[in-house]
Amino acid sequence: MKYPRTVNRYCPTCRSHTKHSVALYKKGKERMMNQGRRRVERKKRGYGSFPKEIFHKNAKLNKRSTPLLECSECGKKQYAKSYRVKRLELQEV
């Protein structure tokens, strides 16, 4: 799917329509000391196999791609509607 690199959208901080630059949302690096990671490490200690079952029946072929909009006036970021497509391509209009 083709998506424009700049869009004119409503900014709730500026309370007006402004130009927004578009980037794709990417997941950040996982912290090793967060609660879920500590819980898994505690369950794995002194145990023969992996304590949680690993899900193998994947029904979905593609993940949701979320455009991240940044206001040119105030610099605040907000998410746009996400799409379930194989490839979300940003292009100049």
Foldseek 3Di string as FASTA:
>chain_A
DEDEQKDFDADPVVRGTAIWGKDKDDDDDDDCPDDVNVVQVVVPPPDDDRPDDDDDPDPQPFDWIWIWIAGPPPRDIDIDDIDGDRDYHYDHD
